[in-house]
PDB file of N, CA and C in Angstrom:
ATOM      1  N   MET A   1      94.392 -66.906 154.941  1.00  0.00           N
ATOM      2  CA  MET A   1      93.935 -66.552 153.823  1.00  0.00           C
ATOM      3  C   MET A   1      93.348 -64.338 154.219  1.00  0.00           C
ATOM      4  N   LYS A   2      94.561 -64.074 153.849  1.00  0.00           N
ATOM      5  CA  LYS A   2      94.629 -62.696 153.442  1.00  0.00           C
ATOM      6  C   LYS A   2      93.838 -62.266 152.921  1.00  0.00           C
ATOM      7  N   ILE A   3      92.751 -61.333 153.209  1.00  0.00           N
ATOM      8  CA  ILE A   3      92.528 -60.370 152.213  1.00  0.00           C
ATOM      9  C   ILE A   3      92.867 -58.997 151.773  1.00  0.00           C
ATOM     10  N   GLU A   4      93.689 -58.596 151.228  1.00  0.00           N
ATOM     11  CA  GLU A   4      93.917 -57.319 150.939  1.00  0.00           C
ATOM     12  C   GLU A   4      93.487 -56.007 150.407  1.00  0.00           C
ATOM     13  N   LYS A   5      93.316 -54.917 149.859  1.00  0.00           N
ATOM     14  CA  LYS A   5      92.504 -53.986 149.357  1.00  0.00           C
ATOM     15  C   LYS A   5      93.013 -54.158 147.921  1.00  0.00           C
ATOM     16  N   SER A   6      92.139 -53.674 147.305  1.00  0.00           N
ATOM     17  CA  SER A   6      92.634 -53.857 145.873  1.00  0.00           C
ATOM     18  C   SER A   6      93.452 -52.448 144.884  1.00  0.00           C
ATOM     19  N   SER A   7      93.941 -52.841 144.682  1.00  0.00           N
ATOM     20  CA  SER A   7      94.455 -51.630 144.026  1.00  0.00           C
ATOM     21  C   SER A   7      93.650 -50.725 142.915  1.00  0.00           C
ATOM     22  N   ASN A   8      92.728 -51.599 142.230  1.00  0.00           N
ATOM     23  CA  ASN A   8      92.643 -50.872 141.100  1.00  0.00           C
ATOM     24  C   ASN A   8      90.513 -51.273 141.743  1.00  0.00           C
ATOM     25  N   PRO A   9      89.593 -50.945 142.810  1.00  0.00           N
ATOM     26  CA  PRO A   9      88.500 -50.468 143.358  1.00  0.00           C
ATOM     27  C   PRO A   9      87.694 -50.478 142.000  1.00  0.00           C
ATOM     28  N   TYR A  10      86.338 -50.865 142.481  1.00  0.00           N
ATOM     29  CA  TYR A  10      85.521 -50.415 141.562  1.00  0.00           C
ATOM     30  C   TYR A  10      84.627 -49.739 141.305  1.00  0.00           C
ATOM     31  N   ILE A  11      84.445 -49.044 140.279  1.00  0.00           N
ATOM     32  CA  ILE A  11      83.817 -47.491 140.343  1.00  0.00           C
ATOM     33  C   ILE A  11      82.282 -47.453 139.694  1.00  0.00           C
ATOM     34  N   PRO A  12      81.452 -47.281 139.857  1.00  0.00           N
ATOM     35  CA  PRO A  12      80.052 -47.880 138.563  1.00  0.00           C
ATOM     36  C   PRO A  12      80.226 -46.700 137.834  1.00  0.00           C
ATOM     37  N   PRO A  13      79.378 -47.108 137.007  1.00  0.00           N
ATOM     38  CA  PRO A  13      79.285 -46.295 135.639  1.00  0.00           C
ATOM     39  C   PRO A  13      78.337 -44.977 136.058  1.00  0.00           C
ATOM     40  N   SER A  14      78.797 -44.096 134.705  1.00  0.00           N
ATOM     41  CA  SER A  14      78.272 -42.961 134.975  1.00  0.00           C
ATOM     42  C   SER A  14      76.634 -42.927 134.427  1.00  0.00           C
ATOM     43  N   THR A  15      75.888 -41.996 135.062  1.00  0.00           N
ATOM     44  CA  THR A  15      74.176 -42.485 134.644  1.00  0.00           C
ATOM     45  C   THR A  15      74.120 -42.767 132.794  1.00  0.00           C
ATOM     46  N   GLY A  16      75.496 -41.263 132.037  1.00  0.00           N
ATOM     47  CA  GLY A  16      75.159 -41.532 130.787  1.00  0.00           C
ATOM     48  C   GLY A  16      75.695 -42.985 130.220  1.00  0.00           C
ATOM     49  N   GLU A  17      76.690 -43.251 130.844  1.00  0.00           N
ATOM     50  CA  GLU A  17      76.826 -44.784 130.246  1.00  0.00           C
ATOM     51  C   GLU A  17      75.188 -45.976 130.798  1.00  0.00           C
ATOM     52  N   LEU A  18      74.924 -46.120 131.597  1.00  0.00           N
ATOM     53  CA  LEU A  18      74.017 -46.299 131.993  1.00  0.00           C
ATOM     54  C   LEU A  18      72.854 -46.875 131.120  1.00  0.00           C
ATOM     55  N   SER A  19      72.333 -45.646 130.484  1.00  0.00           N
ATOM     56  CA  SER A  19      71.488 -45.321 129.751  1.00  0.00           C
ATOM     57  C   SER A  19      71.917 -45.625 128.198  1.00  0.00           C
ATOM     58  N   ALA A  20      73.164 -46.033 128.254  1.00  0.00           N
ATOM     59  CA  ALA A  20      73.461 -45.900 126.398  1.00  0.00           C
ATOM     60  C   ALA A  20      73.781 -47.345 126.188  1.00  0.00           C
ATOM     61  N   ARG A  21      73.429 -48.041 127.840  1.00  0.00           N
ATOM     62  CA  ARG A  21      73.274 -49.299 127.957  1.00  0.00           C
ATOM     63  C   ARG A  21      72.135 -50.159 128.106  1.00  0.00           C
ATOM     64  N   THR A  22      71.438 -49.616 128.330  1.00  0.00           N
ATOM     65  CA  THR A  22      69.359 -49.841 128.964  1.00  0.00           C
ATOM     66  C   THR A  22      68.860 -50.163 126.959  1.00  0.00           C
ATOM     67  N   PRO A  23      68.529 -51.212 127.079  1.00  0.00           N
ATOM     68  CA  PRO A  23      67.880 -51.413 125.902  1.00  0.00           C
ATOM     69  C   PRO A  23      66.519 -50.595 125.808  1.00  0.00           C
ATOM     70  N   ALA A  24      66.142 -49.989 124.961  1.00  0.00           N
ATOM     71  CA  ALA A  24      65.011 -49.014 124.358  1.00  0.00           C
ATOM     72  C   ALA A  24      63.380 -50.036 124.618  1.00  0.00           C
ATOM     73  N   ALA A  25      63.191 -48.729 125.116  1.00  0.00           N
ATOM     74  CA  ALA A  25      61.792 -49.971 125.757  1.00  0.00           C
ATOM     75  C   ALA A  25      60.983 -50.208 124.531  1.00  0.00           C
ATOM     76  N   LYS A  26      60.866 -51.282 124.669  1.00  0.00           N
ATOM     77  CA  LYS A  26      59.890 -51.915 123.703  1.00  0.00           C
ATOM     78  C   LYS A  26      57.882 -50.848 123.143  1.00  0.00           C
ATOM     79  N   PRO A  27      57.656 -50.976 121.828  1.00  0.00           N
ATOM     80  CA  PRO A  27      56.603 -49.987 121.731  1.00  0.00           C
ATOM     81  C   PRO A  27      55.260 -51.211 122.270  1.00  0.00           C
ATOM     82  N   THR A  28      55.223 -52.320 122.522  1.00  0.00           N
ATOM     83  CA  THR A  28      54.399 -52.863 123.323  1.00  0.00           C
ATOM     84  C   THR A  28      54.267 -53.269 125.006  1.00  0.00           C
ATOM     85  N   GLU A  29      55.291 -52.287 125.501  1.00  0.00           N
ATOM     86  CA  GLU A  29      54.937 -52.339 126.588  1.00  0.00           C
ATOM     87  C   GLU A  29      54.008 -51.210 127.574  1.00  0.00           C
ATOM     88  N   THR A  30      53.761 -51.678 128.552  1.00  0.00           N
ATOM     89  CA  THR A  30      52.338 -50.558 129.250  1.00  0.00           C
ATOM     90  C   THR A  30      52.431 -49.841 130.248  1.00  0.00           C
ATOM     91  N   HIS A  31      52.486 -48.496 130.657  1.00  0.00           N
ATOM     92  CA  HIS A  31      52.794 -47.861 131.796  1.00  0.00           C
ATOM     93  C   HIS A  31      51.952 -47.563 132.411  1.00  0.00           C
ATOM     94  N   PRO A  32      51.792 -47.619 133.779  1.00  0.00           N
ATOM     95  CA  PRO A  32      51.155 -46.990 134.555  1.00  0.00           C
ATOM     96  C   PRO A  32      50.212 -45.429 134.121  1.00  0.00           C
ATOM     97  N   PRO A  33      49.141 -45.069 134.224  1.00  0.00           N
ATOM     98  CA  PRO A  33      49.044 -43.471 134.257  1.00  0.00           C
ATOM     99  C   PRO A  33      49.984 -42.879 135.304  1.00  0.00           C
ATOM    100  N   ALA A  34      49.280 -41.768 133.930  1.00  0.00           N
ATOM    101  CA  ALA A  34      50.648 -39.981 134.751  1.00  0.00           C
ATOM    102  C   ALA A  34      49.783 -39.479 136.360  1.00  0.00           C
ATOM    103  N   PRO A  35      50.388 -39.574 136.714  1.00  0.00           N
ATOM    104  CA  PRO A  35      49.791 -39.010 138.469  1.00  0.00           C
ATOM    105  C   PRO A  35      48.610 -37.674 137.594  1.00  0.00           C
ATOM    106  N   GLY A  36      48.024 -37.726 138.349  1.00  0.00           N
ATOM    107  CA  GLY A  36      46.435 -36.502 137.940  1.00  0.00           C
ATOM    108  C   GLY A  36      46.003 -37.373 137.362  1.00  0.00           C
ATOM    109  N   VAL A  37      45.869 -38.429 136.133  1.00  0.00           N
ATOM    110  CA  VAL A  37      45.429 -39.307 135.053  1.00  0.00           C
ATOM    111  C   VAL A  37      44.116 -40.077 135.804  1.00  0.00           C
ATOM    112  N   SER A  38      43.009 -40.069 135.630  1.00  0.00           N
ATOM    113  CA  SER A  38      42.204 -41.174 135.928  1.00  0.00           C
ATOM    114  C   SER A  38      41.611 -41.762 135.285  1.00  0.00           C
ATOM    115  N   VAL A  39      41.118 -43.178 135.475  1.00  0.00           N
ATOM    116  CA  VAL A  39      40.915 -44.489 135.366  1.00  0.00           C
ATOM    117  C   VAL A  39      39.273 -44.583 135.808  1.00  0.00           C
ATOM    118  N   ASN A  40      38.068 -44.785 134.380  1.00  0.00           N
ATOM    119  CA  ASN A  40      37.216 -44.840 134.858  1.00  0.00           C
ATOM    120  C   ASN A  40      36.697 -46.777 134.098  1.00  0.00           C
ATOM    121  N   ILE A  41      36.264 -47.254 134.688  1.00  0.00           N
ATOM    122  CA  ILE A  41      35.532 -48.473 134.746  1.00  0.00           C
ATOM    123  C   ILE A  41      34.461 -48.666 134.644  1.00  0.00           C
ATOM    124  N   GLY A  42      33.301 -48.640 133.424  1.00  0.00           N
ATOM    125  CA  GLY A  42      32.089 -48.070 133.219  1.00  0.00           C
ATOM    126  C   GLY A  42      31.431 -49.425 133.735  1.00  0.00           C
ATOM    127  N   SER A  43      30.291 -48.919 134.359  1.00  0.00           N
ATOM    128  CA  SER A  43      29.476 -49.685 135.758  1.00  0.00           C
ATOM    129  C   SER A  43      29.024 -51.590 134.883  1.00  0.00           C
ATOM    130  N   SER A  44      29.258 -51.290 133.741  1.00  0.00           N
ATOM    131  CA  SER A  44      28.798 -52.541 132.689  1.00  0.00           C
ATOM    132  C   SER A  44      29.769 -54.072 133.394  1.00  0.00           C
ATOM    133  N   ASN A  45      30.830 -53.269 133.967  1.00  0.00           N
ATOM    134  CA  ASN A  45      32.066 -54.498 134.237  1.00  0.00           C
ATOM    135  C   ASN A  45      31.456 -55.778 135.214  1.00  0.00           C
ATOM    136  N   PRO A  46      31.940 -56.773 134.974  1.00  0.00           N
ATOM    137  CA  PRO A  46      31.435 -57.706 135.938  1.00  0.00           C
ATOM    138  C   PRO A  46      31.929 -57.636 137.399  1.00  0.00           C
ATOM    139  N   ILE A  47      33.210 -56.542 137.299  1.00  0.00           N
ATOM    140  CA  ILE A  47      33.932 -56.465 138.622  1.00  0.00           C
ATOM    141  C   ILE A  47      32.556 -55.473 139.513  1.00  0.00           C
ATOM    142  N   HIS A  48      31.984 -54.335 139.154  1.00  0.00           N
ATOM    143  CA  HIS A  48      30.956 -54.207 139.958  1.00  0.00           C
ATOM    144  C   HIS A  48      29.432 -54.685 140.218  1.00  0.00           C
ATOM    145  N   SER A  49      29.571 -56.226 139.714  1.00  0.00           N
ATOM    146  CA  SER A  49      28.493 -56.594 139.852  1.00  0.00           C
ATOM    147  C   SER A  49      28.811 -57.504 140.990  1.00  0.00           C
ATOM    148  N   VAL A  50      29.914 -58.014 141.106  1.00  0.00           N
ATOM    149  CA  VAL A  50      30.476 -58.868 142.108  1.00  0.00           C
ATOM    150  C   VAL A  50      30.258 -58.023 142.934  1.00  0.00           C
ATOM    151  N   GLU A  51      31.185 -56.597 143.319  1.00  0.00           N
ATOM    152  CA  GLU A  51      31.530 -55.372 144.164  1.00  0.00           C
ATOM    153  C   GLU A  51      30.141 -56.012 144.871  1.00  0.00           C
ATOM    154  N   SER A  52      29.315 -55.344 144.270  1.00  0.00           N
ATOM    155  CA  SER A  52      27.659 -55.086 145.158  1.00  0.00           C
ATOM    156  C   SER A  52      27.467 -56.038 145.499  1.00  0.00           C
ATOM    157  N   THR A  53      27.262 -57.492 144.762  1.00  0.00           N
ATOM    158  CA  THR A  53      26.709 -58.352 145.939  1.00  0.00           C
ATOM    159  C   THR A  53      27.808 -59.316 146.846  1.00  0.00           C
ATOM    160  N   VAL A  54      28.337 -58.935 146.976  1.00  0.00           N
ATOM    161  CA  VAL A  54      29.517 -58.834 148.333  1.00  0.00           C
ATOM    162  C   VAL A  54      29.242 -58.287 149.742  1.00  0.00           C
ATOM    163  N   ALA A  55      29.537 -56.861 148.533  1.00  0.00           N
ATOM    164  CA  ALA A  55      29.207 -55.688 149.457  1.00  0.00           C
ATOM    165  C   ALA A  55      27.444 -55.811 150.929  1.00  0.00           C
ATOM    166  N   SER A  56      27.007 -56.218 150.051  1.00  0.00           N
ATOM    167  CA  SER A  56      25.274 -57.050 150.211  1.00  0.00           C
ATOM    168  C   SER A  56      25.171 -58.257 151.198  1.00  0.00           C
ATOM    169  N   ALA A  57      25.930 -58.781 150.847  1.00  0.00           N
ATOM    170  CA  ALA A  57      26.171 -60.431 151.785  1.00  0.00           C
ATOM    171  C   ALA A  57      26.381 -60.113 153.250  1.00  0.00           C
ATOM    172  N   PRO A  58      26.148 -60.704 153.809  1.00  0.00           N
ATOM    173  CA  PRO A  58      26.312 -60.419 155.583  1.00  0.00           C
ATOM    174  C   PRO A  58      27.748 -61.133 155.895  1.00  0.00           C
ATOM    175  N   SER A  59      28.871 -60.748 156.627  1.00  0.00           N
ATOM    176  CA  SER A  59      30.123 -61.449 156.647  1.00  0.00           C
ATOM    177  C   SER A  59      29.697 -62.707 157.152  1.00  0.00           C
ATOM    178  N   VAL A  60      28.928 -62.851 158.527  1.00  0.00           N
ATOM    179  CA  VAL A  60      28.900 -64.415 158.876  1.00  0.00           C
ATOM    180  C   VAL A  60      27.174 -64.269 158.874  1.00  0.00           C
ATOM    181  N   ASP A  61      26.963 -66.005 158.929  1.00  0.00           N
ATOM    182  CA  ASP A  61      25.369 -65.878 159.259  1.00  0.00           C
ATOM    183  C   ASP A  61      25.605 -66.366 160.679  1.00  0.00           C
ATOM    184  N   ALA A  62      25.117 -65.463 161.273  1.00  0.00           N
ATOM    185  CA  ALA A  62      25.271 -65.696 163.215  1.00  0.00           C
ATOM    186  C   ALA A  62      23.684 -66.766 163.556  1.00  0.00           C
ATOM    187  N   LYS A  63      23.342 -67.307 162.377  1.00  0.00           N
ATOM    188  CA  LYS A  63      22.484 -68.000 163.133  1.00  0.00           C
ATOM    189  C   LYS A  63      22.937 -69.553 163.006  1.00  0.00           C
ATOM    190  N   LYS A  64      23.333 -69.467 161.810  1.00  0.00           N
ATOM    191  CA  LYS A  64      24.460 -70.881 160.948  1.00  0.00           C
ATOM    192  C   LYS A  64      25.671 -71.233 162.507  1.00  0.00           C
ATOM    193  N   VAL A  65      26.116 -70.031 162.593  1.00  0.00           N
ATOM    194  CA  VAL A  65      27.372 -70.306 164.042  1.00  0.00           C
ATOM    195  C   VAL A  65      26.628 -70.789 165.167  1.00  0.00           C
ATOM    196  N   ALA A  66      25.539 -69.884 165.448  1.00  0.00           N
ATOM    197  CA  ALA A  66      24.858 -70.160 166.590  1.00  0.00           C
ATOM    198  C   ALA A  66      24.405 -71.616 166.461  1.00  0.00           C
ATOM    199  N   ASP A  67      23.880 -72.519 165.871  1.00  0.00           N
ATOM    200  CA  ASP A  67      23.313 -73.602 165.554  1.00  0.00           C
ATOM    201  C   ASP A  67      24.990 -74.951 165.328  1.00  0.00           C
ATOM    202  N   ILE A  68      25.869 -73.901 164.640  1.00  0.00           N
ATOM    203  CA  ILE A  68      26.911 -75.246 165.317  1.00  0.00           C
ATOM    204  C   ILE A  68      27.548 -75.255 166.419  1.00  0.00           C
ATOM    205  N   LYS A  69      27.680 -73.835 167.224  1.00  0.00           N
ATOM    206  CA  LYS A  69      28.022 -73.623 168.750  1.00  0.00           C
ATOM    207  C   LYS A  69      27.499 -74.841 169.302  1.00  0.00           C
ATOM    208  N   GLN A  70      26.158 -75.106 169.852  1.00  0.00           N
ATOM    209  CA  GLN A  70      24.512 -75.356 170.061  1.00  0.00           C
ATOM    210  C   GLN A  70      25.138 -77.318 169.649  1.00  0.00           C
ATOM    211  N   ALA A  71      24.886 -77.567 168.383  1.00  0.00           N
ATOM    212  CA  ALA A  71      25.710 -78.938 168.432  1.00  0.00           C
ATOM    213  C   ALA A  71      26.936 -79.387 168.786  1.00  0.00           C
ATOM    214  N   ILE A  72      28.036 -78.116 168.927  1.00  0.00           N
ATOM    215  CA  ILE A  72      29.421 -79.301 169.259  1.00  0.00           C
ATOM    216  C   ILE A  72      29.166 -79.270 171.081  1.00  0.00           C
ATOM    217  N   SER A  73      28.240 -78.179 171.564  1.00  0.00           N
ATOM    218  CA  SER A  73      28.045 -77.925 172.775  1.00  0.00           C
ATOM    219  C   SER A  73      27.427 -79.621 173.244  1.00  0.00           C
ATOM    220  N   GLU A  74      26.594 -80.289 172.490  1.00  0.00           N
ATOM    221  CA  GLU A  74      25.777 -81.179 172.950  1.00  0.00           C
ATOM    222  C   GLU A  74      26.783 -82.771 171.934  1.00  0.00           C
ATOM    223  N   GLY A  75      27.435 -82.170 171.614  1.00  0.00           N
ATOM    224  CA  GLY A  75      27.949 -83.560 170.809  1.00  0.00           C
ATOM    225  C   GLY A  75      27.258 -84.518 169.947  1.00  0.00           C
ATOM    226  N   ARG A  76      26.575 -83.327 168.920  1.00  0.00           N
ATOM    227  CA  ARG A  76      25.511 -84.252 168.124  1.00  0.00           C
ATOM    228  C   ARG A  76      26.515 -83.704 166.838  1.00  0.00           C
ATOM    229  N   PHE A  77      27.877 -83.138 166.722  1.00  0.00           N
ATOM    230  CA  PHE A  77      28.566 -82.054 165.523  1.00  0.00           C
ATOM    231  C   PHE A  77      29.187 -83.443 165.174  1.00  0.00           C
ATOM    232  N   GLN A  78      29.514 -83.378 163.805  1.00  0.00           N
ATOM    233  CA  GLN A  78      29.619 -84.948 162.858  1.00  0.00           C
ATOM    234  C   GLN A  78      30.809 -83.941 162.038  1.00  0.00           C
ATOM    235  N   ILE A  79      31.526 -83.983 161.308  1.00  0.00           N
ATOM    236  CA  ILE A  79      32.853 -83.790 160.648  1.00  0.00           C
ATOM    237  C   ILE A  79      32.953 -84.265 159.478  1.00  0.00           C
ATOM    238  N   ASN A  80      32.523 -84.090 158.513  1.00  0.00           N
ATOM    239  CA  ASN A  80      32.155 -85.130 157.107  1.00  0.00           C
ATOM    240  C   ASN A  80      33.826 -85.244 156.999  1.00  0.00           C
ATOM    241  N   SER A  81      34.608 -85.753 157.254  1.00  0.00           N
ATOM    242  CA  SER A  81      35.965 -85.615 156.194  1.00  0.00           C
ATOM    243  C   SER A  81      36.010 -86.023 155.238  1.00  0.00           C
ATOM    244  N   SER A  82      35.302 -87.206 154.808  1.00  0.00           N
ATOM    245  CA  SER A  82      35.236 -86.646 152.955  1.00  0.00           C
ATOM    246  C   SER A  82      35.291 -85.828 152.020  1.00  0.00           C
ATOM    247  N   ALA A  83      33.764 -84.986 152.290  1.00  0.00           N
ATOM    248  CA  ALA A  83      33.311 -84.106 151.831  1.00  0.00           C
ATOM    249  C   ALA A  83      34.266 -83.268 151.870  1.00  0.00           C
ATOM    250  N   ILE A  84      35.065 -82.812 153.164  1.00  0.00           N
ATOM    251  CA  ILE A  84      36.202 -81.914 153.221  1.00  0.00           C
ATOM    252  C   ILE A  84      36.953 -81.802 151.970  1.00  0.00           C
ATOM    253  N   ALA A  85      37.533 -83.066 152.000  1.00  0.00           N
ATOM    254  CA  ALA A  85      38.579 -83.810 151.485  1.00  0.00           C
ATOM    255  C   ALA A  85      38.065 -83.195 149.886  1.00  0.00           C
ATOM    256  N   ASP A  86      37.101 -83.723 149.450  1.00  0.00           N
ATOM    257  CA  ASP A  86      36.517 -83.967 147.778  1.00  0.00           C
ATOM    258  C   ASP A  86      36.686 -81.970 147.759  1.00  0.00           C
ATOM    259  N   SER A  87      36.336 -81.350 148.439  1.00  0.00           N
ATOM    260  CA  SER A  87      36.166 -79.660 148.347  1.00  0.00           C
ATOM    261  C   SER A  87      37.648 -79.006 148.582  1.00  0.00           C
ATOM    262  N   LEU A  88      38.187 -79.840 149.226  1.00  0.00           N
ATOM    263  CA  LEU A  88      39.726 -79.063 148.959  1.00  0.00           C
ATOM    264  C   LEU A  88      40.125 -79.633 148.303  1.00  0.00           C
ATOM    265  N   ILE A  89      40.122 -80.432 147.048  1.00  0.00           N
ATOM    266  CA  ILE A  89      40.639 -80.936 145.776  1.00  0.00           C
ATOM    267  C   ILE A  89      40.043 -80.335 144.557  1.00  0.00           C
ATOM    268  N   ASN A  90      38.606 -80.251 145.297  1.00  0.00           N
ATOM    269  CA  ASN A  90      38.069 -79.637 143.577  1.00  0.00           C
ATOM    270  C   ASN A  90      38.270 -78.141 143.734  1.00  0.00           C
ATOM    271  N   ASP A  91      38.538 -76.971 144.610  1.00  0.00           N
ATOM    272  CA  ASP A  91      39.483 -75.954 144.781  1.00  0.00           C
ATOM    273  C   ASP A  91      40.449 -75.871 144.466  1.00  0.00           C
ATOM    274  N   VAL A  92      41.615 -76.843 144.588  1.00  0.00           N
ATOM    275  CA  VAL A  92      42.355 -76.518 144.070  1.00  0.00           C
ATOM    276  C   VAL A  92      42.604 -77.075 142.732  1.00  0.00           C
ATOM    277  N   ASN A  93      41.911 -78.121 141.865  1.00  0.00           N
ATOM    278  CA  ASN A  93      41.511 -78.296 140.475  1.00  0.00           C
ATOM    279  C   ASN A  93      41.212 -77.508 140.319  1.00  0.00           C
ATOM    280  N   ASP A  94      40.220 -76.297 140.511  1.00  0.00           N
ATOM    281  CA  ASP A  94      39.952 -75.666 139.890  1.00  0.00           C
ATOM    282  C   ASP A  94      40.732 -73.713 140.012  1.00  0.00           C
ATOM    283  N   LEU A  95      41.746 -73.772 141.091  1.00  0.00           N
ATOM    284  CA  LEU A  95      42.698 -73.092 141.040  1.00  0.00           C
ATOM    285  C   LEU A  95      44.043 -73.253 140.012  1.00  0.00           C
ATOM    286  N   ILE A  96      44.296 -74.985 139.783  1.00  0.00           N
ATOM    287  CA  ILE A  96      45.099 -74.791 138.727  1.00  0.00           C
ATOM    288  C   ILE A  96      44.172 -74.568 136.935  1.00  0.00           C
ATOM    289  N   THR A  97      43.088 -74.542 137.138  1.00  0.00           N
ATOM    290  CA  THR A  97      42.512 -74.898 135.583  1.00  0.00           C
ATOM    291  C   THR A  97      42.649 -73.478 136.123  1.00  0.00           C
ATOM    292  N   ALA A  98      42.224 -72.254 136.385  1.00  0.00           N
ATOM    293  CA  ALA A  98      41.949 -70.817 136.499  1.00  0.00           C
ATOM    294  C   ALA A  98      43.215 -70.364 135.564  1.00  0.00           C
ATOM    295  N   ASP A  99      44.171 -70.931 136.582  1.00  0.00           N
ATOM    296  CA  ASP A  99      45.867 -70.379 136.520  1.00  0.00           C
ATOM    297  C   ASP A  99      46.456 -70.232 134.616  1.00  0.00           C
ATOM    298  N   LYS A 100      45.571 -71.261 134.152  1.00  0.00           N
ATOM    299  CA  LYS A 100      45.962 -71.881 132.767  1.00  0.00           C
ATOM    300  C   LYS A 100      45.662 -71.070 131.832  1.00  0.00           C
ATOM    301  N   THR A 101      44.514 -70.812 132.834  1.00  0.00           N
ATOM    302  CA  THR A 101      43.867 -69.383 131.071  1.00  0.00           C
ATOM    303  C   THR A 101      44.439 -68.143 131.186  1.00  0.00           C
TER     304      THR A 101
END
């Protein structure tokens, strides 16, 4: 099979032709704020309370980590696979339910 040059090459439409074909923006569409415009979310917003709670919480409980390491080294750390599976299933169900709203 031989591919030859076409005698009618594709020429993209000019900018004017593109804008004429583009449908007009719907009045319900939202656009991001223009550069230099600030958006202020009030302090009563639930996001602020979550941010402050997360910021004040320690990222790692060092005592709990040390206790788990000690239990593992002594061979007394037991994993409850049923509890882990139940928790994973509950988390997935929560995500599915939250996604539908």
